[in-house]
Amino acid sequence: MIAIVTDSSVGYSQEEISSRGVLSVVPLNYQLGPNFYEEYPSGRNGNYMQMMQQVSPCKTAQPALNNFIRTFSALVGRGYDVICIVLSSALSGTYSSACFAADQVGGNIRVVDSMTIGAGMHLLVDEAVNMVNCGLSAEEIVGHLDRLKQKIGIVFTVESLDRLVFGGRMMSPKAKTTLNLRPVFTLKGKIFFKNNARGARERLEEMVSLVPENTRRLIVCRCGEETDVSEFTQMLKEKLPAVHIHQRVVGPVLSIHVDAGAFGAAYVLKD
């Protein structure tokens, strides 16, 4: 038997977690003002966007080590082999924590650095769950995931650079947000600055151009329910008419780093 473990940045709802059966989700941690929280499944984190605008500091942290140890111990004790898929090691210490917990617990636990975050992880974890359901071995699944994660990418933009800079996730001095300029980034392992787009239309065109033609699955994600991604989604549909586009709202942990108004798309390429 094989179980998949991931962290809460994957953005699943509780219903989605339950429907996947072999999946366990370990919560990331975050701070809003004086209060500390665990990130719950999508739709169960309250009014975090409003709180982010009202309090300081807003910070994130990797999952508590004991949460990984407890999750791994329970699964290994029930006879499962475990494949743990976590957000990019270049952006978080979650991978290191999961590896340390796996060493402490023992058993057959494999930790996979997804080299992505959020919706990109969603694409990778979905594939892992499908492979478990198809009866592949742990070795086969990990091998497939190592190849598949090279085909997953994210393109995104933000309204403000303040939170990316504060969190140490964006180091490029070329990225700017002025009255009419907005930066466009890609994410593959770490964040790469691509261009400062002038005006709303140029920004959308730049982002759409960075989504490859051979994309087979696509998730449009946005920070805050009110962020309008309708034109972006329509432009992607025109470019990739055969690809179904899923919609996601970013949870509190990733929102703290990109802030209100940020949006983007995660894609996985065809073989």
C-alpha atoms as a PDB file:
ATOM      1  CA  MET A   1       0.000   0.000   0.000  1.00  0.00           C
ATOM      2  CA  ILE A   2       1.163   3.510  -0.861  1.00  0.00           C
ATOM      3  CA  ALA A   3       0.086   6.799   0.708  1.00  0.00           C
ATOM      4  CA  ILE A   4       0.773  10.299  -0.636  1.00  0.00           C
ATOM      5  CA  VAL A   5       1.594  13.109   1.805  1.00  0.00           C
ATOM      6  CA  THR A   6       1.857  16.767   0.827  1.00  0.00           C
ATOM      7  CA  ASP A   7       1.755  20.202   2.468  1.00  0.00           C
ATOM      8  CA  SER A   8      -1.141  22.629   2.618  1.00  0.00           C
ATOM      9  CA  SER A   9       0.206  24.975  -0.059  1.00  0.00           C
ATOM     10  CA  VAL A  10      -1.255  22.463  -2.537  1.00  0.00           C
ATOM     11  CA  GLY A  11      -4.585  24.251  -2.002  1.00  0.00           C
ATOM     12  CA  TYR A  12      -6.998  21.329  -1.913  1.00  0.00           C
ATOM     13  CA  SER A  13     -10.410  21.640  -0.284  1.00  0.00           C
ATOM     14  CA  GLN A  14     -11.374  19.107   2.400  1.00  0.00           C
ATOM     15  CA  GLU A  15     -13.718  17.443  -0.082  1.00  0.00           C
ATOM     16  CA  GLU A  16     -10.887  17.055  -2.590  1.00  0.00           C
ATOM     17  CA  ILE A  17      -8.587  15.599   0.051  1.00  0.00           C
ATOM     18  CA  SER A  18     -11.243  13.086   1.094  1.00  0.00           C
ATOM     19  CA  SER A  19     -12.002  12.096  -2.502  1.00  0.00           C
ATOM     20  CA  ARG A  20      -8.354  11.233  -3.165  1.00  0.00           C
ATOM     21  CA  GLY A  21      -8.345   8.571  -0.456  1.00  0.00           C
ATOM     22  CA  VAL A  22      -4.611   7.885  -0.256  1.00  0.00           C
ATOM     23  CA  LEU A  23      -3.739  11.535   0.451  1.00  0.00           C
ATOM     24  CA  SER A  24      -2.722  13.246   3.710  1.00  0.00           C
ATOM     25  CA  VAL A  25      -2.020  16.998   3.973  1.00  0.00           C
ATOM     26  CA  VAL A  26       0.341  18.492   6.581  1.00  0.00           C
ATOM     27  CA  PRO A  27      -0.438  22.148   7.443  1.00  0.00           C
ATOM     28  CA  LEU A  28       2.007  24.986   6.919  1.00  0.00           C
ATOM     29  CA  ASN A  29       2.077  27.714   9.572  1.00  0.00           C
ATOM     30  CA  TYR A  30       1.592  31.465   9.344  1.00  0.00           C
ATOM     31  CA  GLN A  31       1.393  34.556  11.523  1.00  0.00           C
ATOM     32  CA  LEU A  32      -0.996  37.486  11.182  1.00  0.00           C
ATOM     33  CA  GLY A  33      -0.158  40.164  13.713  1.00  0.00           C
ATOM     34  CA  PRO A  34       0.201  38.588  17.172  1.00  0.00           C
ATOM     35  CA  ASN A  35      -1.692  35.427  16.232  1.00  0.00           C
ATOM     36  CA  PHE A  36      -0.337  32.153  14.833  1.00  0.00           C
ATOM     37  CA  TYR A  37      -2.306  29.753  12.621  1.00  0.00           C
ATOM     38  CA  GLU A  38      -2.123  26.454  10.789  1.00  0.00           C
ATOM     39  CA  GLU A  39      -3.215  26.571   7.145  1.00  0.00           C
ATOM     40  CA  TYR A  40      -6.408  24.579   6.705  1.00  0.00           C
ATOM     41  CA  PRO A  41      -7.820  23.178   3.442  1.00  0.00           C
ATOM     42  CA  SER A  42      -9.141  25.674   0.891  1.00  0.00           C
ATOM     43  CA  GLY A  43     -12.318  27.417   2.028  1.00  0.00           C
ATOM     44  CA  ARG A  44     -11.650  26.912   5.752  1.00  0.00           C
ATOM     45  CA  ASN A  45      -9.151  29.681   6.530  1.00  0.00           C
ATOM     46  CA  GLY A  46     -11.525  32.519   7.352  1.00  0.00           C
ATOM     47  CA  ASN A  47     -11.012  36.138   6.290  1.00  0.00           C
ATOM     48  CA  TYR A  48      -7.222  35.987   5.979  1.00  0.00           C
ATOM     49  CA  MET A  49      -7.083  38.463   3.082  1.00  0.00           C
ATOM     50  CA  GLN A  50      -8.827  41.140   5.124  1.00  0.00           C
ATOM     51  CA  MET A  51      -6.623  40.444   8.145  1.00  0.00           C
ATOM     52  CA  MET A  52      -3.462  40.693   6.011  1.00  0.00           C
ATOM     53  CA  GLN A  53      -4.327  44.288   5.154  1.00  0.00           C
ATOM     54  CA  GLN A  54      -4.985  45.238   8.778  1.00  0.00           C
ATOM     55  CA  VAL A  55      -2.211  43.671  10.864  1.00  0.00           C
ATOM     56  CA  SER A  56       1.566  43.310  10.936  1.00  0.00           C
ATOM     57  CA  PRO A  57       3.739  41.301  10.766  1.00  0.00           C
ATOM     58  CA  CYS A  58       2.473  38.746   8.247  1.00  0.00           C
ATOM     59  CA  LYS A  59       4.875  35.806   8.099  1.00  0.00           C
ATOM     60  CA  THR A  60       4.929  32.134   7.152  1.00  0.00           C
ATOM     61  CA  ALA A  61       6.723  29.088   8.514  1.00  0.00           C
ATOM     62  CA  GLN A  62       7.291  25.492   7.484  1.00  0.00           C
ATOM     63  CA  PRO A  63       5.140  22.774   9.085  1.00  0.00           C
ATOM     64  CA  ALA A  64       5.906  21.797  12.650  1.00  0.00           C
ATOM     65  CA  LEU A  65       8.306  18.848  12.618  1.00  0.00           C
ATOM     66  CA  ASN A  66       5.973  16.902  14.893  1.00  0.00           C
ATOM     67  CA  ASN A  67       3.183  17.151  12.318  1.00  0.00           C
ATOM     68  CA  PHE A  68       5.347  15.343   9.760  1.00  0.00           C
ATOM     69  CA  ILE A  69       6.515  12.793  12.338  1.00  0.00           C
ATOM     70  CA  ARG A  70       2.962  12.136  13.504  1.00  0.00           C
ATOM     71  CA  THR A  71       1.644  11.763   9.940  1.00  0.00           C
ATOM     72  CA  PHE A  72       4.495   9.511   8.816  1.00  0.00           C
ATOM     73  CA  SER A  73       4.330   7.372  11.964  1.00  0.00           C
ATOM     74  CA  ALA A  74       0.608   6.778  11.603  1.00  0.00           C
ATOM     75  CA  LEU A  75       0.930   5.716   7.960  1.00  0.00           C
ATOM     76  CA  VAL A  76       4.007   3.533   8.441  1.00  0.00           C
ATOM     77  CA  GLY A  77       2.326   1.932  11.448  1.00  0.00           C
ATOM     78  CA  ARG A  78      -0.592   0.945   9.212  1.00  0.00           C
ATOM     79  CA  GLY A  79       1.776  -0.668   6.721  1.00  0.00           C
ATOM     80  CA  TYR A  80       1.979   2.069   4.095  1.00  0.00           C
ATOM     81  CA  ASP A  81       4.923   3.073   1.968  1.00  0.00           C
ATOM     82  CA  VAL A  82       4.922   6.896   1.942  1.00  0.00           C
ATOM     83  CA  ILE A  83       5.674   9.355  -0.855  1.00  0.00           C
ATOM     84  CA  CYS A  84       5.820  12.912   0.492  1.00  0.00           C
ATOM     85  CA  ILE A  85       5.649  15.764  -2.046  1.00  0.00           C
ATOM     86  CA  VAL A  86       6.471  19.231  -0.684  1.00  0.00           C
ATOM     87  CA  LEU A  87       6.961  22.737  -2.008  1.00  0.00           C
ATOM     88  CA  SER A  88      10.224  23.803  -3.602  1.00  0.00           C
ATOM     89  CA  SER A  89      13.295  23.503  -1.368  1.00  0.00           C
ATOM     90  CA  ALA A  90      14.597  26.754  -2.907  1.00  0.00           C
ATOM     91  CA  LEU A  91      11.669  28.631  -1.363  1.00  0.00           C
ATOM     92  CA  SER A  92      11.019  26.840   1.929  1.00  0.00           C
ATOM     93  CA  GLY A  93      12.606  24.660   4.580  1.00  0.00           C
ATOM     94  CA  THR A  94       9.667  22.247   4.362  1.00  0.00           C
ATOM     95  CA  TYR A  95      11.661  19.734   2.319  1.00  0.00           C
ATOM     96  CA  SER A  96      14.407  19.594   4.951  1.00  0.00           C
ATOM     97  CA  SER A  97      11.855  19.138   7.728  1.00  0.00           C
ATOM     98  CA  ALA A  98      10.138  16.311   5.877  1.00  0.00           C
ATOM     99  CA  CYS A  99      13.479  14.574   5.232  1.00  0.00           C
ATOM    100  CA  PHE A 100      14.450  14.863   8.896  1.00  0.00           C
ATOM    101  CA  ALA A 101      11.064  13.502   9.994  1.00  0.00           C
ATOM    102  CA  ALA A 102      11.372  10.585   7.548  1.00  0.00           C
ATOM    103  CA  ASP A 103      14.773   9.687   9.044  1.00  0.00           C
ATOM    104  CA  GLN A 104      13.309   9.811  12.542  1.00  0.00           C
ATOM    105  CA  VAL A 105      10.332   7.592  11.717  1.00  0.00           C
ATOM    106  CA  GLY A 106      12.064   5.034   9.484  1.00  0.00           C
ATOM    107  CA  GLY A 107      10.135   2.759   7.163  1.00  0.00           C
ATOM    108  CA  ASN A 108       9.829   3.256   3.431  1.00  0.00           C
ATOM    109  CA  ILE A 109       9.340   7.041   3.163  1.00  0.00           C
ATOM    110  CA  ARG A 110      10.446   8.967   0.083  1.00  0.00           C
ATOM    111  CA  VAL A 111      10.450  12.781   0.113  1.00  0.00           C
ATOM    112  CA  VAL A 112      10.107  14.540  -3.248  1.00  0.00           C
ATOM    113  CA  ASP A 113      11.111  18.174  -3.793  1.00  0.00           C
ATOM    114  CA  SER A 114       8.334  19.324  -6.122  1.00  0.00           C
ATOM    115  CA  MET A 115      10.372  22.307  -7.399  1.00  0.00           C
ATOM    116  CA  THR A 116       7.099  24.243  -7.467  1.00  0.00           C
ATOM    117  CA  ILE A 117       4.382  25.659  -5.215  1.00  0.00           C
ATOM    118  CA  GLY A 118       0.617  25.935  -4.934  1.00  0.00           C
ATOM    119  CA  ALA A 119      -1.184  25.093  -8.156  1.00  0.00           C
ATOM    120  CA  GLY A 120       1.995  23.552  -9.590  1.00  0.00           C
ATOM    121  CA  MET A 121       2.062  21.154  -6.652  1.00  0.00           C
ATOM    122  CA  HIS A 122      -1.625  20.480  -7.200  1.00  0.00           C
ATOM    123  CA  LEU A 123      -0.796  19.223 -10.704  1.00  0.00           C
ATOM    124  CA  LEU A 124       2.048  17.029  -9.442  1.00  0.00           C
ATOM    125  CA  VAL A 125       0.141  15.557  -6.488  1.00  0.00           C
ATOM    126  CA  ASP A 126      -2.866  14.748  -8.686  1.00  0.00           C
ATOM    127  CA  GLU A 127      -0.569  12.745 -10.940  1.00  0.00           C
ATOM    128  CA  ALA A 128       0.915  10.915  -7.930  1.00  0.00           C
ATOM    129  CA  VAL A 129      -2.527   9.954  -6.637  1.00  0.00           C
ATOM    130  CA  ASN A 130      -3.514   8.688 -10.088  1.00  0.00           C
ATOM    131  CA  MET A 131      -0.363   6.570 -10.260  1.00  0.00           C
ATOM    132  CA  VAL A 132      -1.138   5.010  -6.856  1.00  0.00           C
ATOM    133  CA  ASN A 133      -4.642   4.203  -8.032  1.00  0.00           C
ATOM    134  CA  CYS A 134      -3.211   2.621 -11.184  1.00  0.00           C
ATOM    135  CA  GLY A 135      -1.104   0.245  -9.091  1.00  0.00           C
ATOM    136  CA  LEU A 136       2.402   1.556  -9.791  1.00  0.00           C
ATOM    137  CA  SER A 137       5.129   0.794  -7.261  1.00  0.00           C
ATOM    138  CA  ALA A 138       6.687   3.470  -5.055  1.00  0.00           C
ATOM    139  CA  GLU A 139       9.892   3.307  -7.105  1.00  0.00           C
ATOM    140  CA  GLU A 140       7.980   3.767 -10.355  1.00  0.00           C
ATOM    141  CA  ILE A 141       5.953   6.674  -8.971  1.00  0.00           C
ATOM    142  CA  VAL A 142       8.981   8.550  -7.641  1.00  0.00           C
ATOM    143  CA  GLY A 143      10.775   8.049 -10.953  1.00  0.00           C
ATOM    144  CA  HIS A 144       7.782   9.393 -12.875  1.00  0.00           C
ATOM    145  CA  LEU A 145       7.453  12.367 -10.505  1.00  0.00           C
ATOM    146  CA  ASP A 146      11.113  13.307 -10.908  1.00  0.00           C
ATOM    147  CA  ARG A 147      10.589  13.501 -14.665  1.00  0.00           C
ATOM    148  CA  LEU A 148       7.144  15.092 -14.488  1.00  0.00           C
ATOM    149  CA  LYS A 149       8.148  17.968 -12.222  1.00  0.00           C
ATOM    150  CA  GLN A 150      10.514  19.158 -14.951  1.00  0.00           C
ATOM    151  CA  LYS A 151       7.416  19.702 -17.131  1.00  0.00           C
ATOM    152  CA  ILE A 152       5.543  21.840 -14.596  1.00  0.00           C
ATOM    153  CA  GLY A 153       5.875  25.609 -14.564  1.00  0.00           C
ATOM    154  CA  ILE A 154       4.176  28.702 -13.191  1.00  0.00           C
ATOM    155  CA  VAL A 155       3.850  32.201 -14.613  1.00  0.00           C
ATOM    156  CA  PHE A 156       2.579  34.952 -12.322  1.00  0.00           C
ATOM    157  CA  THR A 157       2.427  38.658 -11.606  1.00  0.00           C
ATOM    158  CA  VAL A 158       1.932  40.852  -8.548  1.00  0.00           C
ATOM    159  CA  GLU A 159       0.535  44.282  -7.807  1.00  0.00           C
ATOM    160  CA  SER A 160       3.217  45.015  -5.210  1.00  0.00           C
ATOM    161  CA  LEU A 161       6.729  43.681  -4.620  1.00  0.00           C
ATOM    162  CA  ASP A 162       6.760  44.506  -0.909  1.00  0.00           C
ATOM    163  CA  ARG A 163       5.825  41.064   0.406  1.00  0.00           C
ATOM    164  CA  LEU A 164       8.051  39.133  -2.007  1.00  0.00           C
ATOM    165  CA  VAL A 165      11.000  41.302  -0.998  1.00  0.00           C
ATOM    166  CA  PHE A 166      10.167  41.137   2.719  1.00  0.00           C
ATOM    167  CA  GLY A 167       9.959  37.338   2.582  1.00  0.00           C
ATOM    168  CA  GLY A 168      13.277  37.067   0.713  1.00  0.00           C
ATOM    169  CA  ARG A 169      11.702  35.253  -2.249  1.00  0.00           C
ATOM    170  CA  MET A 170      12.445  37.930  -4.885  1.00  0.00           C
ATOM    171  CA  MET A 171      15.979  39.217  -5.354  1.00  0.00           C
ATOM    172  CA  SER A 172      15.945  40.839  -8.816  1.00  0.00           C
ATOM    173  CA  PRO A 173      16.588  44.617  -8.719  1.00  0.00           C
ATOM    174  CA  LYS A 174      15.063  44.910 -12.206  1.00  0.00           C
ATOM    175  CA  ALA A 175      11.505  44.085 -11.122  1.00  0.00           C
ATOM    176  CA  LYS A 176       9.401  47.195 -10.588  1.00  0.00           C
ATOM    177  CA  THR A 177       5.872  48.250  -9.737  1.00  0.00           C
ATOM    178  CA  THR A 178       5.140  51.829 -10.744  1.00  0.00           C
ATOM    179  CA  LEU A 179       1.949  53.556 -11.838  1.00  0.00           C
ATOM    180  CA  ASN A 180       1.881  51.663 -15.153  1.00  0.00           C
ATOM    181  CA  LEU A 181       4.486  48.877 -14.764  1.00  0.00           C
ATOM    182  CA  ARG A 182       3.933  45.411 -13.329  1.00  0.00           C
ATOM    183  CA  PRO A 183       6.518  42.598 -13.176  1.00  0.00           C
ATOM    184  CA  VAL A 184       5.994  39.168 -14.707  1.00  0.00           C
ATOM    185  CA  PHE A 185       7.720  36.137 -13.185  1.00  0.00           C
ATOM    186  CA  THR A 186       8.104  32.447 -13.837  1.00  0.00           C
ATOM    187  CA  LEU A 187       8.680  29.798 -11.193  1.00  0.00           C
ATOM    188  CA  LYS A 188      10.638  26.623 -11.764  1.00  0.00           C
ATOM    189  CA  GLY A 189      12.404  25.636  -8.593  1.00  0.00           C
ATOM    190  CA  LYS A 190      12.813  29.305  -7.716  1.00  0.00           C
ATOM    191  CA  ILE A 191      11.388  32.620  -8.905  1.00  0.00           C
ATOM    192  CA  PHE A 192      12.750  34.166 -12.119  1.00  0.00           C
ATOM    193  CA  PHE A 193      12.021  37.728 -13.200  1.00  0.00           C
ATOM    194  CA  LYS A 194      11.022  37.913 -16.875  1.00  0.00           C
ATOM    195  CA  ASN A 195       9.885  41.429 -17.707  1.00  0.00           C
ATOM    196  CA  ASN A 196       8.221  44.627 -16.525  1.00  0.00           C
ATOM    197  CA  ALA A 197       5.035  44.925 -18.580  1.00  0.00           C
ATOM    198  CA  ARG A 198       3.585  48.330 -19.381  1.00  0.00           C
ATOM    199  CA  GLY A 199      -0.180  48.416 -19.011  1.00  0.00           C
ATOM    200  CA  ALA A 200      -2.742  45.709 -18.311  1.00  0.00           C
ATOM    201  CA  ARG A 201      -2.948  44.313 -21.840  1.00  0.00           C
ATOM    202  CA  GLU A 202       0.823  44.006 -22.302  1.00  0.00           C
ATOM    203  CA  ARG A 203       1.045  42.199 -18.958  1.00  0.00           C
ATOM    204  CA  LEU A 204      -1.577  39.637 -19.984  1.00  0.00           C
ATOM    205  CA  GLU A 205       0.030  39.126 -23.396  1.00  0.00           C
ATOM    206  CA  GLU A 206       3.432  38.581 -21.782  1.00  0.00           C
ATOM    207  CA  MET A 207       2.015  36.023 -19.338  1.00  0.00           C
ATOM    208  CA  VAL A 208       0.073  34.122 -21.979  1.00  0.00           C
ATOM    209  CA  SER A 209       3.169  33.991 -24.206  1.00  0.00           C
ATOM    210  CA  LEU A 210       5.046  32.230 -21.385  1.00  0.00           C
ATOM    211  CA  VAL A 211       2.547  29.355 -21.236  1.00  0.00           C
ATOM    212  CA  PRO A 212       3.855  26.756 -23.733  1.00  0.00           C
ATOM    213  CA  GLU A 213       1.813  25.557 -26.700  1.00  0.00           C
ATOM    214  CA  ASN A 214       2.199  21.915 -25.632  1.00  0.00           C
ATOM    215  CA  THR A 215       0.433  22.426 -22.303  1.00  0.00           C
ATOM    216  CA  ARG A 216      -1.992  19.623 -21.426  1.00  0.00           C
ATOM    217  CA  ARG A 217      -3.442  20.890 -18.134  1.00  0.00           C
ATOM    218  CA  LEU A 218      -3.761  24.410 -16.764  1.00  0.00           C
ATOM    219  CA  ILE A 219      -4.783  26.037 -13.480  1.00  0.00           C
ATOM    220  CA  VAL A 220      -5.439  29.769 -13.223  1.00  0.00           C
ATOM    221  CA  CYS A 221      -4.906  30.983  -9.664  1.00  0.00           C
ATOM    222  CA  ARG A 222      -5.539  34.324  -8.019  1.00  0.00           C
ATOM    223  CA  CYS A 223      -4.861  35.974  -4.672  1.00  0.00           C
ATOM    224  CA  GLY A 224      -8.208  37.087  -3.270  1.00  0.00           C
ATOM    225  CA  GLU A 225     -11.684  36.186  -4.485  1.00  0.00           C
ATOM    226  CA  GLU A 226     -12.169  39.670  -5.943  1.00  0.00           C
ATOM    227  CA  THR A 227      -9.112  39.527  -8.248  1.00  0.00           C
ATOM    228  CA  ASP A 228     -10.419  39.521 -11.821  1.00  0.00           C
ATOM    229  CA  VAL A 229      -8.790  36.860 -14.012  1.00  0.00           C
ATOM    230  CA  SER A 230     -11.561  36.657 -16.615  1.00  0.00           C
ATOM    231  CA  GLU A 231      -9.604  38.310 -19.453  1.00  0.00           C
ATOM    232  CA  PHE A 232      -6.480  36.289 -18.627  1.00  0.00           C
ATOM    233  CA  THR A 233      -8.526  33.081 -18.668  1.00  0.00           C
ATOM    234  CA  GLN A 234     -10.170  34.006 -21.963  1.00  0.00           C
ATOM    235  CA  MET A 235      -6.815  34.702 -23.613  1.00  0.00           C
ATOM    236  CA  LEU A 236      -5.519  31.327 -22.435  1.00  0.00           C
ATOM    237  CA  LYS A 237      -8.632  29.627 -23.830  1.00  0.00           C
ATOM    238  CA  GLU A 238      -8.019  31.258 -27.195  1.00  0.00           C
ATOM    239  CA  LYS A 239      -4.413  30.078 -27.205  1.00  0.00           C
ATOM    240  CA  LEU A 240      -5.185  26.570 -25.887  1.00  0.00           C
ATOM    241  CA  PRO A 241      -8.787  25.798 -26.887  1.00  0.00           C
ATOM    242  CA  ALA A 242      -8.475  22.052 -26.197  1.00  0.00           C
ATOM    243  CA  VAL A 243      -7.208  22.513 -22.624  1.00  0.00           C
ATOM    244  CA  HIS A 244      -9.684  22.675 -19.738  1.00  0.00           C
ATOM    245  CA  ILE A 245      -8.739  25.539 -17.414  1.00  0.00           C
ATOM    246  CA  HIS A 246      -9.279  25.042 -13.683  1.00  0.00           C
ATOM    247  CA  GLN A 247      -9.676  27.975 -11.286  1.00  0.00           C
ATOM    248  CA  ARG A 248      -8.096  28.297  -7.823  1.00  0.00           C
ATOM    249  CA  VAL A 249      -7.895  30.919  -5.070  1.00  0.00           C
ATOM    250  CA  VAL A 250      -4.513  31.067  -3.325  1.00  0.00           C
ATOM    251  CA  GLY A 251      -4.491  30.173   0.389  1.00  0.00           C
ATOM    252  CA  PRO A 252      -3.096  32.287   3.234  1.00  0.00           C
ATOM    253  CA  VAL A 253       0.511  31.039   3.170  1.00  0.00           C
ATOM    254  CA  LEU A 254       1.137  31.901  -0.476  1.00  0.00           C
ATOM    255  CA  SER A 255      -1.028  35.040  -0.245  1.00  0.00           C
ATOM    256  CA  ILE A 256       1.282  36.429   2.429  1.00  0.00           C
ATOM    257  CA  HIS A 257       4.132  36.324  -0.113  1.00  0.00           C
ATOM    258  CA  VAL A 258       2.345  37.692  -3.198  1.00  0.00           C
ATOM    259  CA  ASP A 259      -0.410  39.904  -1.698  1.00  0.00           C
ATOM    260  CA  ALA A 260      -3.803  40.969  -3.002  1.00  0.00           C
ATOM    261  CA  GLY A 261      -4.258  41.231  -6.755  1.00  0.00           C
ATOM    262  CA  ALA A 262      -1.583  38.713  -7.690  1.00  0.00           C
ATOM    263  CA  PHE A 263      -2.561  36.081 -10.238  1.00  0.00           C
ATOM    264  CA  GLY A 264      -1.021  33.519 -12.533  1.00  0.00           C
ATOM    265  CA  ALA A 265      -1.231  30.070 -14.089  1.00  0.00           C
ATOM    266  CA  ALA A 266       0.356  26.707 -13.447  1.00  0.00           C
ATOM    267  CA  TYR A 267       0.789  24.295 -16.356  1.00  0.00           C
ATOM    268  CA  VAL A 268       2.025  20.796 -17.081  1.00  0.00           C
ATOM    269  CA  LEU A 269       3.371  19.853 -20.500  1.00  0.00           C
ATOM    270  CA  LYS A 270       2.518  16.902 -22.687  1.00  0.00           C
ATOM    271  CA  ASP A 271       4.960  13.982 -22.844  1.00  0.00           C
END
